[in-house]
Amino acid sequence: MAKKRSRRYWILAGVLSIVGMLAYIQFGLRRPVGEGPAGPDVDNAAFVTGEAWTDQPVLLLGIGDSVTRGLGAQNTSHSYFERLRENPADEFSDMQGKCLSAVLPQLTATNLAVSGSTSLDHMEVITSQLPDLESPEDVFGLVVMTTGGNDLIHSYGRRPPVEGAMYGATLEQAKPWIVKFQDRLEQMFDRVTDHFPAGCEIFVGDIYDPTDGVGDAPSIFLPPWPDGLAIHAQYNDTIRQVAAERPNVHVVPLHATFLGHGSHCRQFWRSNYDANDPHYWFYSNIEDPNDRGYDAIRRVFLNSIVEHHHAIGNRPGSPASAAPSLPVEPSDPS
């Protein structure tokens, strides 16, 4: 009898082990990317009339890291920068005609973003590499930026943390680097604004979190970082604070949009779980989006641009620049 009972215990233990292993694979390791459109809807109102937002020359300028460069997209035309500029040949049906070239007839584009670059590099780009404008008094700047993400994740815990590569730092170590990041942001936004005497609007993404707000770095195959979430939050707070002090700078909510689409996308018990799209929006290198992630980024950038599109083509201080923004239907990014 005792031998039969022992055998049943061993069978039960084996079954539980198999179930546990399958559950771990399903909810811990399996990260399907899904298919089709990703992210919020884009309001039709600014595009359906076929009317131009302005006849003034507009330069779409990209500044930043690999997110703005497009690393991880299926092809160049699927990067968020290029999808903002022009619909790709295989555009989703709900986004046909919703791009900047459809409403800005004198649009040109230059992308200065560099994969692997940090906010220190972006400061240098803005200082020395902004494109010359043939007619500065006429060209309006429409600037899209992603900055600061590589400051946090480099060098992936392989080396002691330093400014611009602070992975593994304590919050106390990071505080002076956060102050310097704030100073750089202020200088970058002001220098870009000064570069466009005819006016410019700057749209900067905050920094997403591949751990879906959990902060367990091993889930994205990196060493533990106890203060990582706190430092990440302060970087995002800095972006929002500096932007709020400038009427022409707007924060694009990448952080909120990507929650539920990182390493815990299958875990339905998480508060950030997205039942409508429980899929992974990150590329194989963890830090960049995949193709669907870039679609989502394009949509939230475009929604922010649409919200402030009345300012495009209006000189700073002109009465038209104070026109009310077009309302955009709120969406639940999680």
C-alpha atoms as a PDB file:
ATOM      1  CA  MET A   1       0.000   0.000   0.000  1.00  0.00           C
ATOM      2  CA  ALA A   2       2.778   2.404   0.981  1.00  0.00           C
ATOM      3  CA  LYS A   3       4.605   1.579  -2.245  1.00  0.00           C
ATOM      4  CA  LYS A   4       1.489   2.355  -4.348  1.00  0.00           C
ATOM      5  CA  ARG A   5       0.986   5.623  -2.489  1.00  0.00           C
ATOM      6  CA  SER A   6       4.612   6.583  -3.076  1.00  0.00           C
ATOM      7  CA  ARG A   7       4.245   5.781  -6.771  1.00  0.00           C
ATOM      8  CA  ARG A   8       1.148   8.004  -7.013  1.00  0.00           C
ATOM      9  CA  TYR A   9       3.030  10.856  -5.345  1.00  0.00           C
ATOM     10  CA  TRP A  10       5.855  10.521  -7.847  1.00  0.00           C
ATOM     11  CA  ILE A  11       3.393  10.470 -10.770  1.00  0.00           C
ATOM     12  CA  LEU A  12       1.613  13.520  -9.383  1.00  0.00           C
ATOM     13  CA  ALA A  13       4.922  15.321  -8.879  1.00  0.00           C
ATOM     14  CA  GLY A  14       5.899  14.493 -12.449  1.00  0.00           C
ATOM     15  CA  VAL A  15       2.597  15.778 -13.834  1.00  0.00           C
ATOM     16  CA  LEU A  16       2.886  18.996 -11.814  1.00  0.00           C
ATOM     17  CA  SER A  17       6.443  19.486 -13.033  1.00  0.00           C
ATOM     18  CA  ILE A  18       5.347  19.097 -16.647  1.00  0.00           C
ATOM     19  CA  VAL A  19       2.412  21.457 -16.144  1.00  0.00           C
ATOM     20  CA  GLY A  20       4.706  23.984 -14.449  1.00  0.00           C
ATOM     21  CA  MET A  21       7.229  23.757 -17.255  1.00  0.00           C
ATOM     22  CA  LEU A  22       4.532  24.207 -19.908  1.00  0.00           C
ATOM     23  CA  ALA A  23       3.073  27.183 -18.006  1.00  0.00           C
ATOM     24  CA  TYR A  24       6.536  28.762 -17.769  1.00  0.00           C
ATOM     25  CA  ILE A  25       7.048  28.349 -21.515  1.00  0.00           C
ATOM     26  CA  GLN A  26       3.561  29.690 -22.304  1.00  0.00           C
ATOM     27  CA  PHE A  27       3.578  32.706 -19.987  1.00  0.00           C
ATOM     28  CA  GLY A  28       7.273  33.362 -19.415  1.00  0.00           C
ATOM     29  CA  LEU A  29       9.111  32.538 -22.626  1.00  0.00           C
ATOM     30  CA  ARG A  30       6.532  32.496 -25.421  1.00  0.00           C
ATOM     31  CA  ARG A  31       6.247  35.955 -26.985  1.00  0.00           C
ATOM     32  CA  PRO A  32       4.265  35.852 -30.223  1.00  0.00           C
ATOM     33  CA  VAL A  33       4.426  39.059 -32.259  1.00  0.00           C
ATOM     34  CA  GLY A  34       0.968  38.795 -33.827  1.00  0.00           C
ATOM     35  CA  GLU A  35       0.060  40.288 -37.166  1.00  0.00           C
ATOM     36  CA  GLY A  36      -1.837  43.203 -38.626  1.00  0.00           C
ATOM     37  CA  PRO A  37      -2.109  46.782 -37.342  1.00  0.00           C
ATOM     38  CA  ALA A  38      -0.813  47.685 -33.887  1.00  0.00           C
ATOM     39  CA  GLY A  39      -1.458  50.651 -31.634  1.00  0.00           C
ATOM     40  CA  PRO A  40      -4.240  53.234 -31.481  1.00  0.00           C
ATOM     41  CA  ASP A  41      -6.472  54.417 -34.295  1.00  0.00           C
ATOM     42  CA  VAL A  42      -5.551  57.658 -36.043  1.00  0.00           C
ATOM     43  CA  ASP A  43      -8.318  60.233 -36.331  1.00  0.00           C
ATOM     44  CA  ASN A  44      -9.572  60.739 -39.882  1.00  0.00           C
ATOM     45  CA  ALA A  45     -10.640  64.366 -39.592  1.00  0.00           C
ATOM     46  CA  ALA A  46      -7.317  65.978 -40.462  1.00  0.00           C
ATOM     47  CA  PHE A  47      -6.929  63.911 -43.647  1.00  0.00           C
ATOM     48  CA  VAL A  48     -10.365  63.340 -45.181  1.00  0.00           C
ATOM     49  CA  THR A  49     -10.879  66.786 -46.696  1.00  0.00           C
ATOM     50  CA  GLY A  50      -7.787  66.577 -48.878  1.00  0.00           C
ATOM     51  CA  GLU A  51      -6.865  70.110 -47.837  1.00  0.00           C
ATOM     52  CA  ALA A  52      -3.237  70.968 -47.131  1.00  0.00           C
ATOM     53  CA  TRP A  53      -2.329  71.958 -43.584  1.00  0.00           C
ATOM     54  CA  THR A  54       0.003  74.583 -45.056  1.00  0.00           C
ATOM     55  CA  ASP A  55       1.598  75.467 -48.391  1.00  0.00           C
ATOM     56  CA  GLN A  56       4.768  76.524 -46.597  1.00  0.00           C
ATOM     57  CA  PRO A  57       7.897  74.375 -47.049  1.00  0.00           C
ATOM     58  CA  VAL A  58       8.141  71.911 -44.141  1.00  0.00           C
ATOM     59  CA  LEU A  59      11.201  69.861 -43.188  1.00  0.00           C
ATOM     60  CA  LEU A  60      10.498  66.603 -41.344  1.00  0.00           C
ATOM     61  CA  LEU A  61      13.663  66.154 -39.297  1.00  0.00           C
ATOM     62  CA  GLY A  62      14.536  62.969 -37.393  1.00  0.00           C
ATOM     63  CA  ILE A  63      16.953  63.139 -34.455  1.00  0.00           C
ATOM     64  CA  GLY A  64      17.887  60.355 -32.096  1.00  0.00           C
ATOM     65  CA  ASP A  65      18.782  56.710 -31.779  1.00  0.00           C
ATOM     66  CA  SER A  66      17.921  53.419 -33.470  1.00  0.00           C
ATOM     67  CA  VAL A  67      14.197  53.848 -32.768  1.00  0.00           C
ATOM     68  CA  THR A  68      14.076  56.889 -35.055  1.00  0.00           C
ATOM     69  CA  ARG A  69      16.582  55.248 -37.412  1.00  0.00           C
ATOM     70  CA  GLY A  70      14.246  52.238 -37.768  1.00  0.00           C
ATOM     71  CA  LEU A  71      16.364  49.285 -36.607  1.00  0.00           C
ATOM     72  CA  GLY A  72      14.105  46.239 -36.286  1.00  0.00           C
ATOM     73  CA  ALA A  73      11.574  47.297 -38.925  1.00  0.00           C
ATOM     74  CA  GLN A  74      10.853  44.833 -41.716  1.00  0.00           C
ATOM     75  CA  ASN A  75      12.281  47.326 -44.207  1.00  0.00           C
ATOM     76  CA  THR A  76      13.089  51.033 -44.380  1.00  0.00           C
ATOM     77  CA  SER A  77       9.596  51.975 -45.518  1.00  0.00           C
ATOM     78  CA  HIS A  78       8.176  50.444 -42.319  1.00  0.00           C
ATOM     79  CA  SER A  79      10.204  52.585 -39.916  1.00  0.00           C
ATOM     80  CA  TYR A  80       8.060  55.053 -38.006  1.00  0.00           C
ATOM     81  CA  PHE A  81       9.906  57.989 -39.595  1.00  0.00           C
ATOM     82  CA  GLU A  82       9.229  56.799 -43.156  1.00  0.00           C
ATOM     83  CA  ARG A  83       5.638  55.802 -42.367  1.00  0.00           C
ATOM     84  CA  LEU A  84       5.050  59.290 -41.011  1.00  0.00           C
ATOM     85  CA  ARG A  85       6.398  60.740 -44.252  1.00  0.00           C
ATOM     86  CA  GLU A  86       4.633  58.457 -46.699  1.00  0.00           C
ATOM     87  CA  ASN A  87       2.444  55.356 -46.652  1.00  0.00           C
ATOM     88  CA  PRO A  88       4.368  52.251 -47.753  1.00  0.00           C
ATOM     89  CA  ALA A  89       3.084  50.211 -50.696  1.00  0.00           C
ATOM     90  CA  ASP A  90       1.646  47.588 -48.332  1.00  0.00           C
ATOM     91  CA  GLU A  91       0.005  50.061 -45.935  1.00  0.00           C
ATOM     92  CA  PHE A  92      -2.861  48.865 -43.730  1.00  0.00           C
ATOM     93  CA  SER A  93      -6.287  49.831 -45.037  1.00  0.00           C
ATOM     94  CA  ASP A  94      -7.126  51.979 -42.001  1.00  0.00           C
ATOM     95  CA  MET A  95      -4.013  54.113 -42.565  1.00  0.00           C
ATOM     96  CA  GLN A  96      -4.261  54.735 -46.311  1.00  0.00           C
ATOM     97  CA  GLY A  97      -3.805  58.459 -46.945  1.00  0.00           C
ATOM     98  CA  LYS A  98      -2.858  59.186 -43.329  1.00  0.00           C
ATOM     99  CA  CYS A  99       0.669  60.471 -43.720  1.00  0.00           C
ATOM    100  CA  LEU A 100       2.366  63.858 -43.748  1.00  0.00           C
ATOM    101  CA  SER A 101       3.005  63.995 -47.482  1.00  0.00           C
ATOM    102  CA  ALA A 102      -0.770  63.843 -48.016  1.00  0.00           C
ATOM    103  CA  VAL A 103      -1.311  67.129 -46.161  1.00  0.00           C
ATOM    104  CA  LEU A 104       2.032  68.929 -46.547  1.00  0.00           C
ATOM    105  CA  PRO A 105       2.624  69.422 -50.306  1.00  0.00           C
ATOM    106  CA  GLN A 106       6.069  70.987 -49.801  1.00  0.00           C
ATOM    107  CA  LEU A 107       7.349  68.354 -47.362  1.00  0.00           C
ATOM    108  CA  THR A 108      10.987  67.262 -47.416  1.00  0.00           C
ATOM    109  CA  ALA A 109      12.636  64.877 -44.974  1.00  0.00           C
ATOM    110  CA  THR A 110      16.045  64.339 -43.379  1.00  0.00           C
ATOM    111  CA  ASN A 111      16.778  61.639 -40.802  1.00  0.00           C
ATOM    112  CA  LEU A 112      19.881  62.291 -38.691  1.00  0.00           C
ATOM    113  CA  ALA A 113      19.208  59.464 -36.217  1.00  0.00           C
ATOM    114  CA  VAL A 114      22.049  57.000 -35.572  1.00  0.00           C
ATOM    115  CA  SER A 115      21.635  53.519 -34.137  1.00  0.00           C
ATOM    116  CA  GLY A 116      23.373  53.054 -30.784  1.00  0.00           C
ATOM    117  CA  SER A 117      23.620  56.778 -30.077  1.00  0.00           C
ATOM    118  CA  THR A 118      22.977  58.393 -26.699  1.00  0.00           C
ATOM    119  CA  SER A 119      21.721  61.804 -25.635  1.00  0.00           C
ATOM    120  CA  LEU A 120      25.355  62.952 -25.495  1.00  0.00           C
ATOM    121  CA  ASP A 121      25.662  62.078 -29.189  1.00  0.00           C
ATOM    122  CA  HIS A 122      22.375  63.796 -29.979  1.00  0.00           C
ATOM    123  CA  MET A 123      23.668  66.987 -28.397  1.00  0.00           C
ATOM    124  CA  GLU A 124      26.651  66.821 -30.757  1.00  0.00           C
ATOM    125  CA  VAL A 125      24.429  66.162 -33.787  1.00  0.00           C
ATOM    126  CA  ILE A 126      22.268  69.176 -32.979  1.00  0.00           C
ATOM    127  CA  THR A 127      25.313  71.337 -32.369  1.00  0.00           C
ATOM    128  CA  SER A 128      27.117  70.517 -35.597  1.00  0.00           C
ATOM    129  CA  GLN A 129      24.970  68.557 -38.065  1.00  0.00           C
ATOM    130  CA  LEU A 130      21.605  70.255 -38.447  1.00  0.00           C
ATOM    131  CA  PRO A 131      20.964  70.675 -42.182  1.00  0.00           C
ATOM    132  CA  ASP A 132      21.428  74.031 -43.832  1.00  0.00           C
ATOM    133  CA  LEU A 133      18.146  75.605 -44.902  1.00  0.00           C
ATOM    134  CA  GLU A 134      18.053  77.178 -48.352  1.00  0.00           C
ATOM    135  CA  SER A 135      15.516  79.723 -47.160  1.00  0.00           C
ATOM    136  CA  PRO A 136      15.505  79.757 -43.339  1.00  0.00           C
ATOM    137  CA  GLU A 137      12.769  82.379 -43.158  1.00  0.00           C
ATOM    138  CA  ASP A 138      10.381  80.092 -45.053  1.00  0.00           C
ATOM    139  CA  VAL A 139      11.064  76.522 -43.869  1.00  0.00           C
ATOM    140  CA  PHE A 140       9.008  75.237 -40.958  1.00  0.00           C
ATOM    141  CA  GLY A 141      10.564  72.479 -38.847  1.00  0.00           C
ATOM    142  CA  LEU A 142       8.623  69.347 -37.917  1.00  0.00           C
ATOM    143  CA  VAL A 143      11.026  67.479 -35.646  1.00  0.00           C
ATOM    144  CA  VAL A 144      10.627  63.931 -34.290  1.00  0.00           C
ATOM    145  CA  MET A 145      13.006  62.627 -31.632  1.00  0.00           C
ATOM    146  CA  THR A 146      13.818  59.632 -29.463  1.00  0.00           C
ATOM    147  CA  THR A 147      16.607  60.157 -26.949  1.00  0.00           C
ATOM    148  CA  GLY A 148      17.801  58.800 -23.625  1.00  0.00           C
ATOM    149  CA  GLY A 149      16.991  55.114 -24.021  1.00  0.00           C
ATOM    150  CA  ASN A 150      20.563  54.093 -24.746  1.00  0.00           C
ATOM    151  CA  ASP A 151      21.777  56.200 -21.810  1.00  0.00           C
ATOM    152  CA  LEU A 152      19.878  53.724 -19.645  1.00  0.00           C
ATOM    153  CA  ILE A 153      20.467  50.351 -21.267  1.00  0.00           C
ATOM    154  CA  HIS A 154      24.109  50.593 -22.316  1.00  0.00           C
ATOM    155  CA  SER A 155      26.389  48.718 -21.627  1.00  0.00           C
ATOM    156  CA  TYR A 156      23.940  46.006 -20.554  1.00  0.00           C
ATOM    157  CA  GLY A 157      25.728  45.458 -17.235  1.00  0.00           C
ATOM    158  CA  ARG A 158      28.972  44.340 -18.894  1.00  0.00           C
ATOM    159  CA  ARG A 159      30.947  47.294 -17.565  1.00  0.00           C
ATOM    160  CA  PRO A 160      30.671  49.592 -14.541  1.00  0.00           C
ATOM    161  CA  PRO A 161      28.013  52.283 -15.081  1.00  0.00           C
ATOM    162  CA  VAL A 162      29.026  55.703 -16.382  1.00  0.00           C
ATOM    163  CA  GLU A 163      27.144  58.681 -17.794  1.00  0.00           C
ATOM    164  CA  GLY A 164      25.609  57.666 -21.112  1.00  0.00           C
ATOM    165  CA  ALA A 165      25.912  53.949 -20.272  1.00  0.00           C
ATOM    166  CA  MET A 166      24.435  53.675 -16.795  1.00  0.00           C
ATOM    167  CA  TYR A 167      23.024  50.153 -16.728  1.00  0.00           C
ATOM    168  CA  GLY A 168      23.387  48.772 -13.203  1.00  0.00           C
ATOM    169  CA  ALA A 169      23.795  52.161 -11.501  1.00  0.00           C
ATOM    170  CA  THR A 170      22.231  53.002  -8.174  1.00  0.00           C
ATOM    171  CA  LEU A 171      19.832  55.921  -8.044  1.00  0.00           C
ATOM    172  CA  GLU A 172      22.397  57.922  -6.070  1.00  0.00           C
ATOM    173  CA  GLN A 173      25.024  57.306  -8.742  1.00  0.00           C
ATOM    174  CA  ALA A 174      22.602  58.310 -11.464  1.00  0.00           C
ATOM    175  CA  LYS A 175      21.298  61.558  -9.934  1.00  0.00           C
ATOM    176  CA  PRO A 176      24.074  63.833 -11.308  1.00  0.00           C
ATOM    177  CA  TRP A 177      23.733  62.166 -14.730  1.00  0.00           C
ATOM    178  CA  ILE A 178      19.989  62.820 -14.680  1.00  0.00           C
ATOM    179  CA  VAL A 179      20.667  66.503 -13.949  1.00  0.00           C
ATOM    180  CA  LYS A 180      23.052  66.636 -16.920  1.00  0.00           C
ATOM    181  CA  PHE A 181      20.444  64.901 -19.099  1.00  0.00           C
ATOM    182  CA  GLN A 182      17.991  67.665 -18.198  1.00  0.00           C
ATOM    183  CA  ASP A 183      20.516  70.317 -19.153  1.00  0.00           C
ATOM    184  CA  ARG A 184      21.192  68.583 -22.490  1.00  0.00           C
ATOM    185  CA  LEU A 185      17.495  68.335 -23.280  1.00  0.00           C
ATOM    186  CA  GLU A 186      17.002  72.036 -22.611  1.00  0.00           C
ATOM    187  CA  GLN A 187      19.895  72.923 -24.891  1.00  0.00           C
ATOM    188  CA  MET A 188      18.787  70.498 -27.619  1.00  0.00           C
ATOM    189  CA  PHE A 189      15.209  71.751 -27.741  1.00  0.00           C
ATOM    190  CA  ASP A 190      16.302  75.400 -27.700  1.00  0.00           C
ATOM    191  CA  ARG A 191      18.950  74.968 -30.388  1.00  0.00           C
ATOM    192  CA  VAL A 192      16.577  73.094 -32.684  1.00  0.00           C
ATOM    193  CA  THR A 193      13.944  75.797 -32.170  1.00  0.00           C
ATOM    194  CA  ASP A 194      16.488  78.520 -32.954  1.00  0.00           C
ATOM    195  CA  HIS A 195      17.490  76.695 -36.141  1.00  0.00           C
ATOM    196  CA  PHE A 196      14.022  77.329 -37.598  1.00  0.00           C
ATOM    197  CA  PRO A 197      13.236  81.065 -37.490  1.00  0.00           C
ATOM    198  CA  ALA A 198      10.027  80.341 -39.430  1.00  0.00           C
ATOM    199  CA  GLY A 199       8.899  78.124 -36.532  1.00  0.00           C
ATOM    200  CA  CYS A 200       9.071  74.490 -35.530  1.00  0.00           C
ATOM    201  CA  GLU A 201       7.185  71.877 -33.548  1.00  0.00           C
ATOM    202  CA  ILE A 202       9.172  69.191 -31.736  1.00  0.00           C
ATOM    203  CA  PHE A 203       7.708  65.773 -30.888  1.00  0.00           C
ATOM    204  CA  VAL A 204       9.834  63.688 -28.510  1.00  0.00           C
ATOM    205  CA  GLY A 205       9.022  60.169 -27.404  1.00  0.00           C
ATOM    206  CA  ASP A 206       9.370  59.184 -23.791  1.00  0.00           C
ATOM    207  CA  ILE A 207      11.223  55.922 -23.077  1.00  0.00           C
ATOM    208  CA  TYR A 208       9.380  52.602 -23.150  1.00  0.00           C
ATOM    209  CA  ASP A 209       9.985  49.681 -20.782  1.00  0.00           C
ATOM    210  CA  PRO A 210      10.488  46.172 -22.249  1.00  0.00           C
ATOM    211  CA  THR A 211       9.640  44.643 -18.847  1.00  0.00           C
ATOM    212  CA  ASP A 212       6.081  46.077 -18.887  1.00  0.00           C
ATOM    213  CA  GLY A 213       6.654  47.997 -15.659  1.00  0.00           C
ATOM    214  CA  VAL A 214       7.776  44.942 -13.675  1.00  0.00           C
ATOM    215  CA  GLY A 215      11.468  45.804 -13.679  1.00  0.00           C
ATOM    216  CA  ASP A 216      12.724  42.210 -13.740  1.00  0.00           C
ATOM    217  CA  ALA A 217      15.666  42.642 -16.100  1.00  0.00           C
ATOM    218  CA  PRO A 218      16.358  38.873 -16.345  1.00  0.00           C
ATOM    219  CA  SER A 219      13.035  38.575 -18.215  1.00  0.00           C
ATOM    220  CA  ILE A 220      14.749  40.444 -21.061  1.00  0.00           C
ATOM    221  CA  PHE A 221      17.941  38.420 -20.579  1.00  0.00           C
ATOM    222  CA  LEU A 222      19.881  41.154 -18.782  1.00  0.00           C
ATOM    223  CA  PRO A 223      21.464  41.189 -15.304  1.00  0.00           C
ATOM    224  CA  PRO A 224      19.284  42.322 -12.380  1.00  0.00           C
ATOM    225  CA  TRP A 225      19.123  46.103 -11.911  1.00  0.00           C
ATOM    226  CA  PRO A 226      17.445  46.970  -8.601  1.00  0.00           C
ATOM    227  CA  ASP A 227      17.229  50.725  -9.254  1.00  0.00           C
ATOM    228  CA  GLY A 228      16.485  50.439 -12.960  1.00  0.00           C
ATOM    229  CA  LEU A 229      12.806  51.346 -12.820  1.00  0.00           C
ATOM    230  CA  ALA A 230      13.431  54.319 -10.535  1.00  0.00           C
ATOM    231  CA  ILE A 231      16.132  55.736 -12.827  1.00  0.00           C
ATOM    232  CA  HIS A 232      13.992  55.053 -15.889  1.00  0.00           C
ATOM    233  CA  ALA A 233      11.081  56.923 -14.284  1.00  0.00           C
ATOM    234  CA  GLN A 234      13.274  59.928 -13.494  1.00  0.00           C
ATOM    235  CA  TYR A 235      14.523  60.066 -17.083  1.00  0.00           C
ATOM    236  CA  ASN A 236      10.935  60.094 -18.328  1.00  0.00           C
ATOM    237  CA  ASP A 237       9.931  62.689 -15.744  1.00  0.00           C
ATOM    238  CA  THR A 238      12.802  64.849 -16.978  1.00  0.00           C
ATOM    239  CA  ILE A 239      11.643  64.582 -20.600  1.00  0.00           C
ATOM    240  CA  ARG A 240       8.113  65.582 -19.606  1.00  0.00           C
ATOM    241  CA  GLN A 241       9.242  68.434 -17.370  1.00  0.00           C
ATOM    242  CA  VAL A 242      11.563  70.013 -19.935  1.00  0.00           C
ATOM    243  CA  ALA A 243       8.944  69.647 -22.686  1.00  0.00           C
ATOM    244  CA  ALA A 244       6.225  71.207 -20.515  1.00  0.00           C
ATOM    245  CA  GLU A 245       8.300  74.385 -20.231  1.00  0.00           C
ATOM    246  CA  ARG A 246       8.271  74.880 -24.022  1.00  0.00           C
ATOM    247  CA  PRO A 247       5.015  75.411 -25.933  1.00  0.00           C
ATOM    248  CA  ASN A 248       6.407  73.936 -29.149  1.00  0.00           C
ATOM    249  CA  VAL A 249       7.677  70.686 -27.570  1.00  0.00           C
ATOM    250  CA  HIS A 250       5.291  67.750 -27.121  1.00  0.00           C
ATOM    251  CA  VAL A 251       5.857  64.369 -25.473  1.00  0.00           C
ATOM    252  CA  VAL A 252       4.712  61.316 -27.427  1.00  0.00           C
ATOM    253  CA  PRO A 253       3.602  58.562 -24.973  1.00  0.00           C
ATOM    254  CA  LEU A 254       5.684  55.583 -26.081  1.00  0.00           C
ATOM    255  CA  HIS A 255       5.998  54.331 -22.502  1.00  0.00           C
ATOM    256  CA  ALA A 256       2.249  54.013 -21.950  1.00  0.00           C
ATOM    257  CA  THR A 257       1.637  52.700 -25.460  1.00  0.00           C
ATOM    258  CA  PHE A 258       4.107  49.807 -25.117  1.00  0.00           C
ATOM    259  CA  LEU A 259       3.030  48.603 -21.660  1.00  0.00           C
ATOM    260  CA  GLY A 260       1.654  45.098 -22.077  1.00  0.00           C
ATOM    261  CA  HIS A 261       3.715  44.397 -25.182  1.00  0.00           C
ATOM    262  CA  GLY A 262       7.045  43.516 -23.593  1.00  0.00           C
ATOM    263  CA  SER A 263       8.397  40.454 -21.825  1.00  0.00           C
ATOM    264  CA  HIS A 264       5.145  39.881 -19.898  1.00  0.00           C
ATOM    265  CA  CYS A 265       2.748  40.288 -22.816  1.00  0.00           C
ATOM    266  CA  ARG A 266       1.191  36.829 -22.262  1.00  0.00           C
ATOM    267  CA  GLN A 267       0.630  37.196 -18.516  1.00  0.00           C
ATOM    268  CA  PHE A 268      -3.076  37.926 -18.303  1.00  0.00           C
ATOM    269  CA  TRP A 269      -2.952  38.592 -14.556  1.00  0.00           C
ATOM    270  CA  ARG A 270      -0.776  41.695 -15.000  1.00  0.00           C
ATOM    271  CA  SER A 271      -2.420  45.113 -14.732  1.00  0.00           C
ATOM    272  CA  ASN A 272      -0.874  46.143 -18.069  1.00  0.00           C
ATOM    273  CA  TYR A 273      -2.117  43.079 -19.958  1.00  0.00           C
ATOM    274  CA  ASP A 274      -3.694  43.993 -23.311  1.00  0.00           C
ATOM    275  CA  ALA A 275      -6.394  41.403 -24.021  1.00  0.00           C
ATOM    276  CA  ASN A 276      -7.036  42.908 -27.473  1.00  0.00           C
ATOM    277  CA  ASP A 277      -3.426  42.495 -28.590  1.00  0.00           C
ATOM    278  CA  PRO A 278      -1.408  40.317 -26.180  1.00  0.00           C
ATOM    279  CA  HIS A 279       1.665  40.356 -28.389  1.00  0.00           C
ATOM    280  CA  TYR A 280       5.324  41.297 -28.288  1.00  0.00           C
ATOM    281  CA  TRP A 281       6.296  44.546 -30.007  1.00  0.00           C
ATOM    282  CA  PHE A 282      10.065  44.304 -29.550  1.00  0.00           C
ATOM    283  CA  TYR A 283      12.812  43.201 -31.911  1.00  0.00           C
ATOM    284  CA  SER A 284      15.217  40.363 -31.113  1.00  0.00           C
ATOM    285  CA  ASN A 285      17.741  42.777 -29.571  1.00  0.00           C
ATOM    286  CA  ILE A 286      15.192  43.713 -26.851  1.00  0.00           C
ATOM    287  CA  GLU A 287      15.795  47.477 -27.036  1.00  0.00           C
ATOM    288  CA  ASP A 288      14.229  48.249 -30.437  1.00  0.00           C
ATOM    289  CA  PRO A 289      10.677  47.707 -31.733  1.00  0.00           C
ATOM    290  CA  ASN A 290       9.707  45.058 -34.239  1.00  0.00           C
ATOM    291  CA  ASP A 291       7.608  45.844 -37.299  1.00  0.00           C
ATOM    292  CA  ARG A 292       4.322  46.019 -35.383  1.00  0.00           C
ATOM    293  CA  GLY A 293       5.976  48.135 -32.718  1.00  0.00           C
ATOM    294  CA  TYR A 294       6.984  50.653 -35.367  1.00  0.00           C
ATOM    295  CA  ASP A 295       3.406  50.771 -36.622  1.00  0.00           C
ATOM    296  CA  ALA A 296       2.284  51.638 -33.088  1.00  0.00           C
ATOM    297  CA  ILE A 297       4.993  54.300 -32.761  1.00  0.00           C
ATOM    298  CA  ARG A 298       4.002  55.829 -36.086  1.00  0.00           C
ATOM    299  CA  ARG A 299       0.392  56.049 -34.907  1.00  0.00           C
ATOM    300  CA  VAL A 300       1.086  57.746 -31.572  1.00  0.00           C
ATOM    301  CA  PHE A 301       3.516  60.201 -33.191  1.00  0.00           C
ATOM    302  CA  LEU A 302       0.985  60.978 -35.919  1.00  0.00           C
ATOM    303  CA  ASN A 303      -1.807  61.447 -33.377  1.00  0.00           C
ATOM    304  CA  SER A 304       0.371  63.926 -31.475  1.00  0.00           C
ATOM    305  CA  ILE A 305       1.218  65.773 -34.688  1.00  0.00           C
ATOM    306  CA  VAL A 306      -2.452  65.896 -35.710  1.00  0.00           C
ATOM    307  CA  GLU A 307      -3.371  67.271 -32.282  1.00  0.00           C
ATOM    308  CA  HIS A 308      -1.010  70.214 -32.842  1.00  0.00           C
ATOM    309  CA  HIS A 309      -1.214  70.489 -36.620  1.00  0.00           C
ATOM    310  CA  HIS A 310      -2.692  74.008 -36.561  1.00  0.00           C
ATOM    311  CA  ALA A 311       0.707  75.267 -35.423  1.00  0.00           C
ATOM    312  CA  ILE A 312       2.477  73.852 -38.478  1.00  0.00           C
ATOM    313  CA  GLY A 313       3.252  76.569 -40.986  1.00  0.00           C
ATOM    314  CA  ASN A 314       2.508  79.435 -38.598  1.00  0.00           C
ATOM    315  CA  ARG A 315       5.298  81.730 -37.569  1.00  0.00           C
ATOM    316  CA  PRO A 316       6.075  81.943 -33.840  1.00  0.00           C
ATOM    317  CA  GLY A 317       3.818  84.465 -32.128  1.00  0.00           C
ATOM    318  CA  SER A 318       1.364  84.833 -35.009  1.00  0.00           C
ATOM    319  CA  PRO A 319      -2.359  84.759 -34.159  1.00  0.00           C
ATOM    320  CA  ALA A 320      -2.859  81.626 -36.253  1.00  0.00           C
ATOM    321  CA  SER A 321      -0.307  79.751 -34.159  1.00  0.00           C
ATOM    322  CA  ALA A 322      -2.694  79.914 -31.249  1.00  0.00           C
ATOM    323  CA  ALA A 323      -5.522  78.182 -33.159  1.00  0.00           C
ATOM    324  CA  PRO A 324      -7.202  75.406 -31.210  1.00  0.00           C
ATOM    325  CA  SER A 325      -5.854  71.921 -31.721  1.00  0.00           C
ATOM    326  CA  LEU A 326      -7.882  69.323 -33.523  1.00  0.00           C
ATOM    327  CA  PRO A 327      -9.326  66.924 -30.932  1.00  0.00           C
ATOM    328  CA  VAL A 328      -8.063  63.376 -31.110  1.00  0.00           C
ATOM    329  CA  GLU A 329     -10.157  60.565 -29.746  1.00  0.00           C
ATOM    330  CA  PRO A 330      -8.531  59.206 -26.596  1.00  0.00           C
ATOM    331  CA  SER A 331      -7.266  55.669 -26.779  1.00  0.00           C
ATOM    332  CA  ASP A 332      -6.311  53.142 -24.140  1.00  0.00           C
ATOM    333  CA  PRO A 333      -2.687  52.259 -25.016  1.00  0.00           C
ATOM    334  CA  SER A 334      -2.558  49.407 -22.553  1.00  0.00           C
END
